[in-house]
Amino acid sequence: MSRINSNISSLIGQRVLAQQQAGLTKTLERLSTGYRINRGGDDPAGLIASERLRSEKAAIEAAIGNAERADQIVNVAEGGLQEVSSLLLELQGLVSEVASDAGMSLDEKTANQVQIDSILQTIDRIAATTSFAGTKLLNGNYDFDVTGVSAVVSGYEIRGAKFAAGGTLAVNAVVTTSAQHGTLFVSAGGGTALDLNAASASFTFEVRGSEGVKQFSYSSGTTLATIAAGINTFADVTGVSAVASGNYLELKSTGFGSDEFVSFKVVDNTLAAGGAVYGATALGEDTIDATDVTLFSAATSPVKDSGQDIVAAVNGIKAQTNGKTISVSNEQLDMEIVLSDTQSQTAGSKNILTINGGGARFNLGPEANLNNQVLLGIKNVTTTSLGSTSTAFLNTLASGGDQNAIDGDITTAQQAIDKAIDQIAGLRGRLGAFQSNVIGGTIRSLGVTLENTTAAESAIRDTDFAEATAELARNQILVQAASSVLAISNAQSQNVLLLL
């Protein structure tokens, strides 16, 4: 049929050309942007999936940044702690030097005290100035805030905890088995003084403990109280203390726990009456067990009794124990508790304290929830905090303090320094473990997750250039063909004029 007003073939050619041009435009868009999906109409389901993956990528990248920031914070704190550790070692040398009183003049002691004061001031200054982005790290700013510290506790350290922001964590302990000293009761024939078989004789015995051994020798008529005082003089050397209790000499290890013990050995038995060594009953270490007895005449080796570690649980979790110290380390709570002497020997439930906040909170996962958060405690390392109540704190080593180098108690000063060294070393080790295992492991894990998430998002959204370039060539050819066909269709109407 030959018509002029309606050129159907041209209309078909125009429609097809428009379609091919749209396909060419889409291919050019994909090649120029690098994305297969540029708008929802390109692939609605793919767009939803890729946007979710993009959100996950952003969260993972932020988590990696948080972990790297945490690593930098720990590095700064470690730098300050390392210097404090070096100063404590120097302090130890100065205190040990003044312990040798003979041959050291007052001027020399005064000079050492000046150095000690300088070291203590430097430690306080490091604690006050070590900071990251304006936040102090070693002055207790990142220590935990607690309330309700019970009198049953003689010391504690919260190393880590996990609870929701704005929440609290109550800490309770249940003691099922008490802590005990190593304990022996010595009877010197039933009297309160030595009765030897000759006026010129000496009664010689050996006392051994976890710290060392010492031999003692006493003449006839010496009271048990005098012997106890002599043993106590060397308690730091042996790790054993003594008290005269009626007709018995009670020997105890100075510390609690299975690592502590007391050993008694007769070296020269010159007692007129028979002596004996008794153990303590299971009901109490201060009660003699008459059935647990070793006569001097039958003793061929030392009589020994070891202490006992406390057995307890904290918040329902079985704790590691050593003497009267309870330690628990799990995802919710990492803490060490030292009970008082009385409470460590008393079974039952004990309220310890309540953690109300504080700590350095790090979010090390892509989601901001409790599972991805770590709360790390960094204690105050000033001289008023390093040491312990059972020995002394470092600030007492300053001029005028009870443990100063001129006329103070050097033995206690050294014990305080030893405790401070242990505290700093423990804190550095804990921060190092956090840095190496928690932060390092988190960064490595998140890195792999980011790679896989990016690969998944790319597979959905990115342009496959090999496929797109082939599609471009096809669309270019189709557009050219459609254009040619449209030109032919438009020319067909002119043939009608030949009929006129």
Protein backbone atom coordinates (compact mmCIF):
# COMPACT_ATOMS: atom_id res chain seq x y z
CA MET A 1 0.00 0.00 0.00
CA SER A 2 1.24 3.45 -0.86
CA ARG A 3 0.35 6.22 1.57
CA ILE A 4 1.75 9.69 2.16
CA ASN A 5 0.04 10.86 5.40
CA SER A 6 1.09 7.82 7.47
CA ASN A 7 4.61 6.40 7.09
CA ILE A 8 4.36 3.36 9.34
CA SER A 9 7.82 2.05 8.50
CA SER A 10 9.32 5.42 9.49
CA LEU A 11 7.47 5.33 12.81
CA ILE A 12 8.85 1.85 13.46
CA GLY A 13 12.32 3.05 12.54
CA GLN A 14 12.03 6.04 14.89
CA ARG A 15 10.89 3.85 17.78
CA VAL A 16 13.67 1.35 17.30
CA LEU A 17 16.26 4.11 16.87
CA ALA A 18 15.10 5.73 20.14
CA GLN A 19 15.43 2.39 21.92
CA GLN A 20 18.90 1.78 20.54
CA GLN A 21 19.99 5.30 21.43
CA ALA A 22 18.69 4.77 25.01
CA GLY A 23 20.69 1.55 25.23
CA LEU A 24 23.78 3.31 23.90
CA THR A 25 23.31 6.15 26.40
CA LYS A 26 23.02 3.68 29.31
CA THR A 27 26.16 1.85 28.19
CA LEU A 28 28.07 5.12 27.86
CA GLU A 29 26.87 6.13 31.35
CA ARG A 30 28.09 2.86 32.83
CA LEU A 31 31.46 3.19 31.15
CA SER A 32 31.91 6.82 32.16
CA THR A 33 30.86 6.34 35.84
CA GLY A 34 32.28 2.87 36.37
CA TYR A 35 29.00 1.77 37.96
CA ARG A 36 26.53 -0.74 36.56
CA ILE A 37 23.86 0.66 38.89
CA ASN A 38 23.58 4.45 38.79
CA ARG A 39 19.91 4.79 39.79
CA GLY A 40 17.18 2.61 41.23
CA GLY A 41 15.75 1.80 37.83
CA ASP A 42 18.98 0.11 36.73
CA ASP A 43 18.54 -2.75 39.25
CA PRO A 44 16.23 -2.11 42.24
CA ALA A 45 17.21 -5.23 44.18
CA GLY A 46 20.88 -4.75 43.39
CA LEU A 47 20.71 -1.12 44.52
CA ILE A 48 19.26 -2.14 47.91
CA ALA A 49 21.89 -4.83 48.43
CA SER A 50 24.77 -2.59 47.39
CA GLU A 51 23.61 0.30 49.59
CA ARG A 52 23.52 -2.04 52.59
CA LEU A 53 27.03 -3.23 51.76
CA ARG A 54 28.19 0.37 51.40
CA SER A 55 26.79 1.11 54.86
CA GLU A 56 28.65 -1.88 56.26
CA LYS A 57 31.86 -0.71 54.56
CA ALA A 58 31.56 2.73 56.13
CA ALA A 59 31.04 1.19 59.58
CA ILE A 60 33.97 -1.19 59.14
CA GLU A 61 36.27 1.61 58.01
CA ALA A 62 35.22 3.65 61.07
CA ALA A 63 35.88 0.64 63.32
CA ILE A 64 39.37 0.24 61.84
CA GLY A 65 39.96 3.94 62.52
CA ASN A 66 38.78 3.47 66.12
CA ALA A 67 41.12 0.53 66.59
CA GLU A 68 44.04 2.47 65.15
CA ARG A 69 43.22 5.38 67.46
CA ALA A 70 43.13 2.98 70.42
CA ASP A 71 46.54 1.66 69.38
CA GLN A 72 47.92 5.20 69.36
CA ILE A 73 46.46 5.90 72.81
CA VAL A 74 48.11 2.78 74.21
CA ASN A 75 51.41 3.76 72.59
CA VAL A 76 51.34 7.12 74.34
CA ALA A 77 50.46 5.54 77.69
CA GLU A 78 53.18 2.91 77.26
CA GLY A 79 55.75 5.63 76.60
CA GLY A 80 54.94 7.30 79.91
CA LEU A 81 54.88 3.99 81.81
CA GLN A 82 58.23 2.97 80.36
CA GLU A 83 59.84 6.10 81.76
CA VAL A 84 58.16 5.56 85.14
CA SER A 85 59.53 2.02 85.16
CA SER A 86 63.07 3.29 84.51
CA LEU A 87 62.72 5.82 87.33
CA LEU A 88 61.55 3.13 89.75
CA LEU A 89 64.60 1.02 88.97
CA GLU A 90 66.82 4.01 89.68
CA LEU A 91 64.87 4.62 92.89
CA GLN A 92 65.46 1.01 93.92
CA GLY A 93 69.21 1.48 93.54
CA LEU A 94 69.25 4.66 95.64
CA VAL A 95 67.26 3.07 98.47
CA SER A 96 69.43 -0.06 98.44
CA GLU A 97 72.50 2.14 98.63
CA VAL A 98 71.40 3.99 101.77
CA ALA A 99 70.47 0.67 103.40
CA SER A 100 74.21 0.20 103.94
CA ASP A 101 74.40 2.56 106.88
CA ALA A 102 78.01 1.94 107.86
CA GLY A 103 80.45 4.16 106.04
CA MET A 104 77.77 6.41 104.52
CA SER A 105 77.81 9.95 105.78
CA LEU A 106 74.77 12.10 106.40
CA ASP A 107 75.76 14.26 103.44
CA GLU A 108 75.68 11.24 101.15
CA LYS A 109 72.27 10.20 102.45
CA THR A 110 71.03 13.74 102.01
CA ALA A 111 72.29 13.75 98.42
CA ASN A 112 70.48 10.46 97.77
CA GLN A 113 67.33 11.89 99.31
CA VAL A 114 67.52 14.85 96.93
CA GLN A 115 67.64 12.41 94.01
CA ILE A 116 64.78 10.41 95.47
CA ASP A 117 62.66 13.56 95.79
CA SER A 118 63.48 14.46 92.19
CA ILE A 119 62.44 11.01 90.97
CA LEU A 120 59.17 11.11 92.88
CA GLN A 121 58.37 14.56 91.50
CA THR A 122 59.17 13.36 87.97
CA ILE A 123 56.87 10.35 88.33
CA ASP A 124 54.05 12.66 89.42
CA ARG A 125 54.78 15.02 86.54
CA ILE A 126 54.72 12.17 84.00
CA ALA A 127 51.41 10.96 85.43
CA ALA A 128 49.97 14.47 85.18
CA THR A 129 51.20 15.32 81.68
CA THR A 130 50.98 12.10 79.64
CA SER A 131 47.98 12.79 77.43
CA PHE A 132 46.37 12.06 74.08
CA ALA A 133 44.34 14.76 72.31
CA GLY A 134 44.16 16.70 75.55
CA THR A 135 42.97 13.78 77.69
CA LYS A 136 45.27 12.69 80.52
CA LEU A 137 46.02 8.98 80.46
CA LEU A 138 47.96 8.16 83.65
CA ASN A 139 46.36 10.36 86.31
CA GLY A 140 43.37 8.08 86.97
CA ASN A 141 41.21 9.73 84.31
CA TYR A 142 40.65 6.29 82.75
CA ASP A 143 40.33 4.42 86.02
CA PHE A 144 36.93 2.99 87.00
CA ASP A 145 34.53 4.92 89.23
CA VAL A 146 33.40 2.79 92.16
CA THR A 147 31.15 3.18 95.18
CA GLY A 148 30.30 1.05 98.17
CA VAL A 149 33.76 -0.44 98.65
CA SER A 150 33.21 -2.95 101.44
CA ALA A 151 35.36 -3.19 104.55
CA VAL A 152 35.97 -6.84 103.67
CA VAL A 153 38.41 -5.65 101.01
CA SER A 154 41.97 -4.61 101.82
CA GLY A 155 42.83 -3.86 98.18
CA TYR A 156 41.52 -4.22 94.64
CA GLU A 157 42.37 -3.47 91.01
CA ILE A 158 39.82 -3.31 88.20
CA ARG A 159 41.61 -4.05 84.95
CA GLY A 160 38.59 -4.23 82.69
CA ALA A 161 34.80 -4.37 82.79
CA LYS A 162 31.88 -4.39 80.39
CA PHE A 163 28.53 -2.78 81.06
CA ALA A 164 26.18 -0.54 79.14
CA ALA A 165 26.90 3.18 79.07
CA GLY A 166 25.13 4.76 82.01
CA GLY A 167 24.76 1.38 83.72
CA THR A 168 26.48 -0.15 86.75
CA LEU A 169 28.08 -3.45 87.62
CA ALA A 170 27.86 -4.89 91.13
CA VAL A 171 30.75 -7.13 92.20
CA ASN A 172 30.08 -9.87 94.75
CA ALA A 173 32.19 -12.75 95.98
CA VAL A 174 31.31 -16.04 97.63
CA VAL A 175 34.06 -17.67 99.70
CA THR A 176 33.66 -21.44 100.02
CA THR A 177 37.07 -22.30 101.48
CA SER A 178 39.05 -19.94 103.68
CA ALA A 179 42.66 -18.86 103.21
CA GLN A 180 45.12 -20.14 105.80
CA HIS A 181 48.67 -19.59 106.98
CA GLY A 182 51.08 -22.43 107.38
CA THR A 183 50.88 -23.07 111.18
CA LEU A 184 52.76 -25.20 113.72
CA PHE A 185 52.61 -25.30 117.52
CA VAL A 186 55.83 -26.11 119.37
CA SER A 187 55.78 -27.42 122.94
CA ALA A 188 59.10 -27.19 124.80
CA GLY A 189 58.22 -29.74 127.48
CA GLY A 190 55.01 -28.10 128.65
CA GLY A 191 56.44 -24.99 130.30
CA THR A 192 56.62 -21.32 129.36
CA ALA A 193 60.45 -21.37 129.49
CA LEU A 194 63.16 -23.78 128.36
CA ASP A 195 64.17 -26.45 130.85
CA LEU A 196 67.38 -28.01 129.55
CA ASN A 197 69.20 -31.08 130.81
CA ALA A 198 72.28 -29.03 131.77
CA ALA A 199 72.96 -25.43 132.74
CA SER A 200 75.54 -25.10 129.99
CA ALA A 201 73.37 -26.72 127.32
CA SER A 202 71.71 -24.91 124.42
CA PHE A 203 68.53 -25.85 122.62
CA THR A 204 69.06 -25.37 118.87
CA PHE A 205 66.37 -25.48 116.21
CA GLU A 206 65.85 -24.40 112.61
CA VAL A 207 62.96 -22.35 111.28
CA ARG A 208 62.29 -22.28 107.56
CA GLY A 209 59.71 -20.41 105.51
CA SER A 210 59.08 -19.25 101.96
CA GLU A 211 61.67 -16.45 102.31
CA GLY A 212 64.54 -18.49 103.76
CA VAL A 213 65.92 -20.37 106.75
CA LYS A 214 67.42 -19.35 110.09
CA GLN A 215 68.89 -21.34 112.96
CA PHE A 216 68.28 -20.30 116.56
CA SER A 217 69.97 -21.39 119.78
CA TYR A 218 68.80 -20.58 123.33
CA SER A 219 69.98 -21.43 126.83
CA SER A 220 68.03 -22.89 129.73
CA GLY A 221 65.44 -20.56 131.29
CA THR A 222 64.74 -18.60 128.11
CA THR A 223 61.02 -17.87 127.90
CA LEU A 224 58.86 -18.71 124.92
CA ALA A 225 58.07 -14.97 124.59
CA THR A 226 61.79 -14.23 124.19
CA ILE A 227 62.14 -16.99 121.59
CA ALA A 228 59.11 -15.61 119.71
CA ALA A 229 60.67 -12.14 119.70
CA GLY A 230 63.90 -13.57 118.32
CA ILE A 231 62.08 -15.39 115.52
CA ASN A 232 60.09 -12.24 114.68
CA THR A 233 63.31 -10.26 114.37
CA PHE A 234 64.16 -12.38 111.34
CA ALA A 235 60.62 -12.70 109.98
CA ASP A 236 61.64 -10.85 106.79
CA VAL A 237 64.44 -13.35 106.31
CA THR A 238 62.45 -16.53 106.90
CA GLY A 239 58.86 -15.60 106.12
CA VAL A 240 57.82 -16.98 109.52
CA SER A 241 56.43 -15.13 112.55
CA ALA A 242 55.93 -16.40 116.08
CA VAL A 243 53.85 -15.73 119.17
CA ALA A 244 53.99 -17.26 122.64
CA SER A 245 50.57 -18.71 123.40
CA GLY A 246 50.43 -20.28 126.86
CA ASN A 247 52.75 -23.26 126.94
CA TYR A 248 53.14 -23.28 123.17
CA LEU A 249 55.15 -21.38 120.62
CA GLU A 250 52.87 -20.74 117.63
CA LEU A 251 54.75 -20.44 114.33
CA LYS A 252 53.00 -18.99 111.28
CA SER A 253 53.95 -18.16 107.75
CA THR A 254 53.80 -14.40 107.26
CA GLY A 255 51.64 -14.84 104.17
CA PHE A 256 48.55 -16.81 103.23
CA GLY A 257 48.30 -19.51 100.60
CA SER A 258 49.71 -22.76 99.34
CA ASP A 259 53.01 -21.12 98.38
CA GLU A 260 53.60 -20.21 102.03
CA PHE A 261 54.79 -22.68 104.65
CA VAL A 262 56.44 -23.03 108.02
CA SER A 263 59.00 -25.72 108.84
CA PHE A 264 60.47 -26.57 112.27
CA LYS A 265 63.47 -28.82 112.82
CA VAL A 266 65.23 -29.73 116.06
CA VAL A 267 68.99 -29.54 115.56
CA ASP A 268 70.12 -30.17 119.16
CA ASN A 269 67.47 -31.49 121.56
CA THR A 270 68.65 -30.74 125.10
CA LEU A 271 65.23 -30.44 126.72
CA ALA A 272 64.89 -32.16 130.09
CA ALA A 273 61.31 -33.17 129.22
CA GLY A 274 60.07 -34.28 125.85
CA GLY A 275 59.07 -31.66 123.34
CA ALA A 276 56.67 -31.97 120.43
CA VAL A 277 55.31 -30.20 117.34
CA TYR A 278 51.57 -30.05 116.73
CA GLY A 279 49.48 -29.08 113.73
CA ALA A 280 46.33 -26.96 113.64
CA THR A 281 42.78 -28.24 113.37
CA ALA A 282 40.73 -27.94 110.20
CA LEU A 283 38.28 -25.70 112.07
CA GLY A 284 40.82 -22.95 112.68
CA GLU A 285 44.51 -22.36 112.27
CA ASP A 286 44.84 -21.01 115.83
CA THR A 287 43.54 -24.21 117.42
CA ILE A 288 45.91 -27.07 118.27
CA ASP A 289 45.17 -30.50 116.86
CA ALA A 290 46.32 -32.83 119.62
CA THR A 291 46.14 -35.82 117.28
CA ASP A 292 48.55 -34.25 114.78
CA VAL A 293 51.72 -34.51 116.83
CA THR A 294 55.40 -35.26 116.18
CA LEU A 295 57.61 -35.86 119.21
CA PHE A 296 61.12 -34.41 119.16
CA SER A 297 62.48 -37.84 119.93
CA ALA A 298 60.79 -39.28 116.83
CA ALA A 299 61.54 -36.39 114.49
CA THR A 300 64.14 -37.34 111.91
CA SER A 301 63.22 -34.62 109.43
CA PRO A 302 61.64 -31.15 109.62
CA VAL A 303 57.96 -30.89 110.46
CA LYS A 304 56.23 -28.76 107.85
CA ASP A 305 52.82 -27.23 107.30
CA SER A 306 51.74 -25.34 104.18
CA GLY A 307 49.16 -22.62 103.93
CA GLN A 308 45.92 -22.79 101.99
CA ASP A 309 44.59 -20.69 99.13
CA ILE A 310 41.14 -19.21 99.40
CA VAL A 311 38.47 -20.76 97.15
CA ALA A 312 35.88 -18.32 95.87
CA ALA A 313 33.64 -17.22 93.01
CA VAL A 314 33.06 -13.69 91.77
CA ASN A 315 29.66 -12.87 90.26
CA GLY A 316 29.06 -16.60 89.92
CA ILE A 317 32.33 -17.28 88.07
CA LYS A 318 34.96 -19.52 89.70
CA ALA A 319 37.98 -17.33 90.47
CA GLN A 320 41.70 -17.91 90.32
CA THR A 321 43.13 -17.59 93.82
CA ASN A 322 46.47 -17.14 95.52
CA GLY A 323 46.50 -16.80 99.27
CA LYS A 324 43.77 -14.28 100.09
CA THR A 325 43.82 -12.77 96.59
CA ILE A 326 40.91 -13.49 94.23
CA SER A 327 41.25 -12.89 90.49
CA VAL A 328 38.64 -13.19 87.78
CA SER A 329 39.14 -12.49 84.09
CA ASN A 330 36.28 -12.84 81.65
CA GLU A 331 34.49 -10.75 79.05
CA GLN A 332 32.41 -8.91 81.65
CA LEU A 333 34.95 -8.39 84.44
CA ASP A 334 38.73 -8.49 84.79
CA MET A 335 39.54 -7.75 88.41
CA GLU A 336 41.78 -8.64 91.35
CA ILE A 337 40.45 -8.53 94.90
CA VAL A 338 42.48 -8.82 98.10
CA LEU A 339 40.32 -9.67 101.10
CA SER A 340 41.20 -8.62 104.63
CA ASP A 341 42.82 -11.23 106.87
CA THR A 342 39.62 -11.82 108.82
CA GLN A 343 37.31 -12.02 105.81
CA SER A 344 39.66 -14.28 103.87
CA GLN A 345 39.28 -16.78 106.70
CA THR A 346 35.49 -16.47 106.83
CA ALA A 347 33.31 -18.34 104.36
CA GLY A 348 30.16 -16.82 102.93
CA SER A 349 28.84 -14.19 100.53
CA LYS A 350 30.52 -10.79 100.48
CA ASN A 351 29.55 -7.56 98.72
CA ILE A 352 32.73 -6.09 97.27
CA LEU A 353 31.84 -2.86 95.43
CA THR A 354 29.82 -1.36 92.59
CA ILE A 355 31.36 -0.08 89.35
CA ASN A 356 29.46 3.04 88.25
CA GLY A 357 31.43 4.01 85.17
CA GLY A 358 34.81 5.21 84.09
CA GLY A 359 37.44 3.29 82.20
CA ALA A 360 38.62 3.86 78.65
CA ARG A 361 35.75 2.78 76.39
CA PHE A 362 36.79 1.62 72.91
CA ASN A 363 34.27 0.62 70.23
CA LEU A 364 36.23 -1.85 68.12
CA GLY A 365 33.47 -3.18 65.87
CA PRO A 366 31.31 -1.87 63.04
CA GLU A 367 28.22 -1.75 65.26
CA ALA A 368 27.94 0.54 68.29
CA ASN A 369 26.81 -2.02 70.84
CA LEU A 370 28.08 -3.64 74.02
CA ASN A 371 29.41 -6.68 72.17
CA ASN A 372 31.86 -4.54 70.20
CA GLN A 373 32.94 -2.37 73.12
CA VAL A 374 35.92 -2.86 75.42
CA LEU A 375 36.31 -1.03 78.74
CA LEU A 376 39.92 -0.85 79.85
CA GLY A 377 41.05 0.50 83.21
CA ILE A 378 44.27 2.53 83.40
CA LYS A 379 45.06 3.25 87.02
CA ASN A 380 46.54 6.37 88.55
CA VAL A 381 50.35 6.06 88.61
CA THR A 382 51.15 9.01 90.87
CA THR A 383 53.32 8.37 93.92
CA THR A 384 50.27 8.49 96.18
CA SER A 385 48.82 5.48 94.34
CA LEU A 386 51.86 3.31 93.64
CA GLY A 387 52.54 0.90 96.49
CA SER A 388 49.94 -0.51 98.87
CA THR A 389 48.30 -0.03 102.22
CA SER A 390 49.95 -3.19 103.53
CA THR A 391 53.45 -1.80 102.90
CA ALA A 392 53.56 1.89 102.01
CA PHE A 393 53.00 4.24 99.09
CA LEU A 394 55.86 5.85 97.20
CA ASN A 395 55.10 9.34 98.46
CA THR A 396 56.25 8.24 101.95
CA LEU A 397 59.81 8.02 100.57
CA ALA A 398 59.92 11.80 100.14
CA SER A 399 61.77 14.09 102.55
CA GLY A 400 60.03 14.00 105.92
CA GLY A 401 58.17 10.79 105.07
CA ASP A 402 58.23 7.68 107.21
CA GLN A 403 60.33 5.86 104.62
CA ASN A 404 62.79 8.65 103.75
CA ALA A 405 66.42 7.76 103.06
CA ILE A 406 67.93 9.66 105.99
CA ASP A 407 66.14 8.29 109.05
CA GLY A 408 63.17 6.35 107.66
CA ASP A 409 62.28 2.67 107.44
CA ILE A 410 64.37 1.50 104.48
CA THR A 411 62.99 -2.04 104.57
CA THR A 412 59.44 -0.81 104.12
CA ALA A 413 60.63 1.68 101.49
CA GLN A 414 62.10 -1.15 99.45
CA GLN A 415 58.92 -3.18 99.79
CA ALA A 416 56.91 -0.19 98.54
CA ILE A 417 59.22 0.17 95.53
CA ASP A 418 58.99 -3.55 94.77
CA LYS A 419 55.20 -3.30 94.85
CA ALA A 420 55.24 -0.23 92.60
CA ILE A 421 57.54 -1.96 90.11
CA ASP A 422 55.17 -4.94 90.01
CA GLN A 423 52.18 -2.63 89.50
CA ILE A 424 53.77 -0.74 86.60
CA ALA A 425 55.04 -3.95 85.01
CA GLY A 426 51.59 -5.50 85.33
CA LEU A 427 49.92 -2.45 83.79
CA ARG A 428 52.40 -2.37 80.91
CA GLY A 429 51.90 -6.08 80.31
CA ARG A 430 48.12 -5.69 80.32
CA LEU A 431 48.25 -2.75 77.92
CA GLY A 432 50.66 -4.69 75.73
CA ALA A 433 48.33 -7.69 75.62
CA PHE A 434 45.41 -5.39 74.78
CA GLN A 435 47.43 -3.73 72.03
CA SER A 436 48.77 -6.96 70.55
CA ASN A 437 45.85 -9.33 70.91
CA VAL A 438 42.70 -7.21 71.04
CA ILE A 439 43.61 -4.23 68.87
CA GLY A 440 45.94 -6.09 66.51
CA GLY A 441 43.53 -8.98 66.07
CA THR A 442 40.62 -6.59 65.55
CA ILE A 443 42.41 -4.59 62.86
CA ARG A 444 43.43 -7.74 61.00
CA SER A 445 39.94 -9.22 61.21
CA LEU A 446 38.24 -5.99 60.14
CA GLY A 447 40.69 -5.65 57.26
CA VAL A 448 39.66 -9.04 55.87
CA THR A 449 35.98 -8.21 56.40
CA LEU A 450 36.41 -4.90 54.57
CA GLU A 451 38.05 -6.66 51.62
CA ASN A 452 35.26 -9.21 51.33
CA THR A 453 32.50 -6.62 51.76
CA THR A 454 34.07 -4.38 49.13
CA ALA A 455 34.36 -7.33 46.75
CA ALA A 456 30.67 -8.20 47.28
CA GLU A 457 29.57 -4.60 46.73
CA SER A 458 31.74 -4.30 43.65
CA ALA A 459 30.32 -7.46 42.10
CA ILE A 460 26.82 -6.03 42.45
CA ARG A 461 27.36 -2.37 41.56
CA ASP A 462 30.51 -1.89 39.51
CA THR A 463 30.65 -1.97 35.71
CA ASP A 464 32.15 -5.01 34.02
CA PHE A 465 34.14 -3.12 31.37
CA ALA A 466 34.67 -6.15 29.14
CA GLU A 467 30.94 -6.74 28.98
CA ALA A 468 30.12 -3.02 28.72
CA THR A 469 32.54 -2.33 25.87
CA ALA A 470 31.08 -5.26 23.92
CA GLU A 471 27.62 -3.86 24.63
CA LEU A 472 28.83 -0.41 23.45
CA ALA A 473 30.01 -1.79 20.12
CA ARG A 474 26.71 -3.64 19.66
CA ASN A 475 24.63 -0.56 20.50
CA GLN A 476 26.69 1.64 18.20
CA ILE A 477 26.09 -0.74 15.31
CA LEU A 478 22.38 -1.01 16.08
CA VAL A 479 22.04 2.79 16.25
CA GLN A 480 23.78 3.13 12.92
CA ALA A 481 21.57 0.42 11.40
CA ALA A 482 18.40 1.98 12.80
CA SER A 483 19.45 5.37 11.44
CA SER A 484 19.99 3.88 8.00
CA VAL A 485 16.65 2.06 8.09
CA LEU A 486 14.89 5.27 9.18
CA ALA A 487 16.45 7.14 6.26
CA ILE A 488 15.20 4.45 3.85
CA SER A 489 11.73 4.53 5.40
CA ASN A 490 11.55 8.30 4.98
CA ALA A 491 12.64 7.99 1.36
CA GLN A 492 9.89 5.42 0.52
CA SER A 493 7.17 8.13 0.67
CA GLN A 494 8.81 9.89 -2.26
CA ASN A 495 8.13 6.85 -4.45
CA VAL A 496 4.37 7.65 -4.32
CA LEU A 497 5.02 10.74 -6.41
CA LEU A 498 5.99 8.48 -9.35
CA LEU A 499 2.36 7.38 -9.51
CA LEU A 500 1.19 10.97 -10.21
